[in-house]
Protein backbone atom coordinates (compact mmCIF):
# COMPACT_ATOMS: atom_id res chain seq x y z
CA MET A 1 93.15 22.78 58.59
CA GLY A 2 93.73 23.39 62.06
CA GLY A 3 96.67 22.05 63.76
CA ARG A 4 96.69 19.09 65.96
CA SER A 5 95.33 19.70 69.47
CA ARG A 6 98.12 19.25 72.24
CA LYS A 7 97.10 15.97 74.05
CA LYS A 8 95.93 16.82 77.78
CA PRO A 9 97.93 14.97 80.63
CA SER A 10 95.77 12.50 82.36
CA SER A 11 94.91 13.04 86.01
CA GLU A 12 97.25 9.98 86.77
CA SER A 13 100.23 11.59 85.56
CA LEU A 14 99.61 14.95 87.23
CA GLU A 15 98.82 13.05 90.65
CA ILE A 16 102.28 11.37 90.25
CA GLU A 17 104.00 14.66 89.77
CA ASP A 18 102.97 15.87 93.17
CA TYR A 19 104.70 12.95 95.21
CA LEU A 20 107.72 14.05 96.64
CA PRO A 21 110.74 12.24 95.40
CA ARG A 22 112.17 9.60 97.86
CA LYS A 23 115.33 8.72 96.07
CA LYS A 24 118.12 11.12 95.12
CA GLY A 25 117.93 13.40 92.15
CA ARG A 26 117.43 17.01 91.50
CA PHE A 27 114.66 17.62 93.80
CA TRP A 28 115.57 14.98 96.50
CA PHE A 29 115.55 16.65 99.76
CA PRO A 30 115.83 14.63 103.49
CA HIS A 31 113.49 14.98 106.08
CA HIS A 32 113.92 14.34 109.82
CA THR A 33 111.71 15.44 112.91
CA GLN A 34 113.74 17.57 115.59
CA GLU A 35 114.53 15.44 118.68
CA HIS A 36 114.42 17.81 121.21
CA PRO A 37 112.52 20.76 122.42
CA MET A 38 113.65 24.47 121.23
CA CYS A 39 116.06 22.77 118.57
CA CYS A 40 114.12 23.64 115.28
CA ALA A 41 117.06 25.55 114.09
CA PRO A 42 119.91 22.70 114.43
CA ALA A 43 117.17 20.18 113.20
CA SER A 44 116.55 22.22 110.15
CA VAL A 45 120.50 22.70 109.50
CA ARG A 46 120.90 18.73 109.78
CA MET A 47 118.63 18.43 106.70
CA LEU A 48 120.41 20.71 104.82
CA ALA A 49 123.85 18.99 105.63
CA GLU A 50 122.22 15.96 104.36
CA TRP A 51 121.38 17.34 101.33
CA LEU A 52 124.62 18.86 100.73
CA THR A 53 126.68 15.83 101.41
CA GLY A 54 124.49 12.79 101.16
CA LYS A 55 125.54 12.09 104.86
CA LEU A 56 123.47 11.81 107.57
CA TYR A 57 124.36 13.94 110.54
CA THR A 58 122.87 13.81 113.93
CA GLU A 59 121.28 16.94 115.81
CA ASN A 60 123.68 17.14 118.62
CA ALA A 61 126.74 17.24 116.28
CA VAL A 62 124.97 19.70 114.05
CA ALA A 63 124.01 21.99 117.18
CA LYS A 64 127.73 21.71 118.60
CA ALA A 65 129.14 22.46 115.01
CA ILE A 66 126.98 25.81 114.26
CA GLY A 67 127.34 26.82 118.08
CA TRP A 68 123.60 26.55 118.79
CA LYS A 69 122.58 27.89 122.39
CA GLY A 70 119.06 27.21 122.50
CA SER A 71 117.96 30.31 121.19
CA TYR A 72 115.69 30.72 117.86
CA ARG A 73 117.37 34.01 117.12
CA GLY A 74 121.12 33.76 117.21
CA THR A 75 124.03 36.34 117.48
CA LEU A 76 125.97 37.70 114.65
CA ALA A 77 128.80 35.34 115.40
CA HIS A 78 126.33 32.08 115.65
CA ARG A 79 125.05 33.46 112.22
CA ARG A 80 128.42 33.60 110.64
CA ARG A 81 129.32 30.21 111.97
CA LEU A 82 126.26 28.72 110.69
CA VAL A 83 126.95 29.97 106.85
CA SER A 84 130.64 28.81 107.57
CA PHE A 85 129.33 25.20 108.36
CA LEU A 86 127.23 25.00 105.27
CA GLU A 87 129.65 26.53 103.20
CA GLY A 88 132.51 23.83 104.37
CA LEU A 89 129.78 21.22 103.22
CA GLY A 90 130.13 22.63 99.62
CA GLY A 91 126.80 24.50 99.49
CA LYS A 92 126.44 28.45 98.82
CA ALA A 93 124.68 30.24 102.03
CA SER A 94 123.76 33.87 102.24
CA TRP A 95 121.20 35.74 104.31
CA ALA A 96 118.43 37.32 102.46
CA TRP A 97 117.58 39.12 105.36
CA TRP A 98 117.77 39.04 109.20
CA TRP A 99 114.98 39.94 111.77
CA LYS A 100 115.13 43.54 113.32
CA SER A 101 112.19 44.43 115.26
CA GLU A 102 112.17 47.97 113.89
CA LEU A 103 111.46 46.93 110.30
CA PRO A 104 107.96 46.57 109.00
CA HIS A 105 106.99 43.43 107.12
CA ASP A 106 108.00 43.73 103.47
CA PRO A 107 105.75 41.96 100.95
CA GLU A 108 108.12 42.60 98.14
CA ARG A 109 111.15 41.23 99.80
CA ASP A 110 108.85 38.02 100.38
CA GLU A 111 107.81 37.80 96.71
CA GLU A 112 111.97 38.13 95.77
CA LEU A 113 112.69 35.11 97.94
CA ARG A 114 109.84 33.04 96.51
CA ASP A 115 111.08 33.90 93.10
CA GLN A 116 114.66 32.40 94.11
CA LEU A 117 112.93 29.21 95.32
CA MET A 118 110.99 28.63 92.22
CA MET A 119 111.32 24.77 91.11
CA THR A 120 112.19 25.86 87.63
CA LYS A 121 115.61 27.27 88.51
CA ALA A 122 118.48 25.41 86.99
CA ASP A 123 120.05 24.64 90.40
CA PRO A 124 117.80 24.14 93.49
CA VAL A 125 117.53 26.26 96.10
CA VAL A 126 116.31 25.81 99.90
CA ALA A 127 115.53 28.68 102.46
CA MET A 128 115.89 28.03 106.15
CA CYS A 129 113.27 30.75 107.27
CA LEU A 130 112.60 31.99 110.81
CA VAL A 131 108.41 32.26 111.06
CA SER A 132 106.78 34.34 113.62
CA LEU A 133 104.21 32.45 115.21
CA TYR A 134 101.56 33.11 117.90
CA ARG A 135 101.37 30.55 120.68
CA CYS A 136 98.67 30.76 123.50
CA THR A 137 99.12 28.48 126.36
CA SER A 138 97.66 27.94 129.75
CA ARG A 139 100.04 30.73 131.08
CA LEU A 140 98.04 33.55 129.60
CA SER A 141 96.99 34.75 132.69
CA TYR A 142 100.57 35.58 133.10
CA THR A 143 100.44 37.98 129.50
CA ASN A 144 97.13 39.54 130.49
CA LEU A 145 95.60 37.28 127.79
CA ALA A 146 97.62 38.31 125.19
CA PRO A 147 99.09 35.83 122.63
CA VAL A 148 103.15 35.16 123.25
CA ASN A 149 104.70 35.76 119.82
CA VAL A 150 107.55 32.98 119.15
CA GLY A 151 109.56 31.98 116.37
CA HIS A 152 110.10 28.73 114.43
CA TRP A 153 112.61 27.42 111.80
CA ILE A 154 111.43 25.49 109.03
CA LEU A 155 113.07 24.87 105.54
CA VAL A 156 111.04 26.04 102.49
CA ARG A 157 111.40 24.74 98.82
CA SER A 158 110.61 23.83 95.20
CA VAL A 159 107.79 26.49 94.90
CA ARG A 160 105.42 25.97 91.95
CA THR A 161 102.32 27.64 90.71
CA VAL A 162 99.29 25.43 90.54
CA SER A 163 95.67 26.23 89.42
CA THR A 164 93.16 26.84 92.35
CA GLU A 165 90.98 24.15 90.72
CA MET A 166 90.14 21.22 92.98
CA ASP A 167 90.83 18.77 90.25
CA ALA A 168 94.50 18.04 89.54
CA GLU A 169 93.51 17.59 85.41
CA GLN A 170 92.31 21.17 85.53
CA ARG A 171 95.81 22.67 86.06
CA SER A 172 96.99 22.89 82.62
CA SER A 173 93.63 22.54 80.65
CA ALA A 174 92.11 26.07 81.30
CA PRO A 175 94.56 28.96 80.39
CA GLY A 176 94.01 32.02 82.25
CA ASP A 177 93.07 30.17 85.28
CA ARG A 178 93.43 31.49 88.73
CA ARG A 179 96.85 30.22 89.89
CA THR A 180 98.89 30.18 93.17
CA HIS A 181 102.21 29.49 94.40
CA VAL A 182 102.64 26.58 96.59
CA ALA A 183 106.04 25.42 98.66
CA VAL A 184 107.37 22.36 99.85
CA VAL A 185 107.85 22.94 103.66
CA HIS A 186 110.25 20.76 105.92
CA ASP A 187 109.03 21.53 109.24
CA PRO A 188 111.08 19.78 111.87
CA ALA A 189 108.19 19.53 114.56
CA PHE A 190 106.21 17.36 111.71
CA THR A 191 107.30 13.80 110.67
CA GLU A 192 106.63 14.61 106.86
CA PRO A 193 107.20 17.69 104.64
CA TYR A 194 103.99 19.12 103.20
CA PHE A 195 102.76 21.83 100.82
CA GLU A 196 101.62 25.22 101.97
CA THR A 197 100.72 28.34 99.79
CA TRP A 198 103.23 31.26 99.93
CA ASP A 199 100.42 33.52 100.73
CA SER A 200 100.17 31.60 104.22
CA LEU A 201 103.91 31.41 104.58
CA SER A 202 104.38 34.97 104.32
CA GLY A 203 101.36 35.82 106.14
CA ARG A 204 102.95 33.87 109.01
CA VAL A 205 105.50 36.59 108.49
CA ILE A 206 109.11 35.21 107.70
CA ASP A 207 111.43 37.34 110.29
CA SER A 208 114.71 35.63 108.73
CA ALA A 209 115.81 33.58 105.58
CA LEU A 210 118.90 32.02 104.61
CA VAL A 211 119.16 30.89 101.23
CA VAL A 212 121.04 27.89 100.43
CA ARG A 213 122.40 26.51 97.27
CA ARG A 214 123.74 22.96 96.47
CA ARG A 215 126.95 22.27 94.20
CA ARG A 216 125.82 20.91 90.98
CA LEU A 217 124.67 17.16 91.07
CA SER A 218 126.96 14.72 89.33
CA SER A 219 125.75 12.02 87.33
CA ARG A 220 126.93 9.52 90.08
CA ASP A 221 124.89 12.04 92.69
CA ALA A 222 121.82 11.81 90.78
CA ARG A 223 121.77 7.73 90.31
CA ASP A 224 118.47 6.55 91.75
CA ASP A 225 120.56 3.57 93.34
CA ALA A 226 122.84 5.86 95.34
CA ARG A 227 124.04 4.28 98.35
CA THR A 228 122.74 4.70 101.92
CA PRO A 229 124.53 7.66 103.63
CA ARG A 230 126.92 7.09 106.26
CA ARG A 231 125.69 8.56 109.80
CA HIS A 232 127.83 11.39 111.41
CA SER A 233 127.99 11.74 114.94
């Protein structure tokens, strides 16, 4: 007699798993759109600050706290100030790497970062990443029709492996099927977080990566009915 076959999850339950949590819990994370141009870094740090403390900070207050001067590549002093600010809020922050023009893109380094962000880890981890983007504007005549390389700060978290099948129900039903890594991205230029494959992220070239961990959630922090956070000016 064969053993009982495992009951296959319904497509409805699998679809629900894809919803991003809105209430406080292990995978909860706030999202805010940047309020000013060229402020993607303080906007990203603002989300990290709320994630660590449960309190709402203003973008201007965060920019002042980390010594932001409007540049997307900070000085060594600014990087240290950023780490100090996050650790002062109860987080653990460390640079996985920092942009250097003489260093080539390293896929193995990207994979190490990806593995740290897996949602199967006991403690949630978020990476604040500077991704390289190419921007073509009406000023192309001034650059001899060459694309302009700019940087943009985003937050990446909760990496999971999913099937490449279109049907959600196929994910757990076909052993050995093709799978890919998908991350939740909080881009301060957008009004909502979104899913993006890790290959797409690393293909945009992650120039810098700050890895941030939070203190363990207490039972009080994990309550669904947690009080609305206060606003810090």
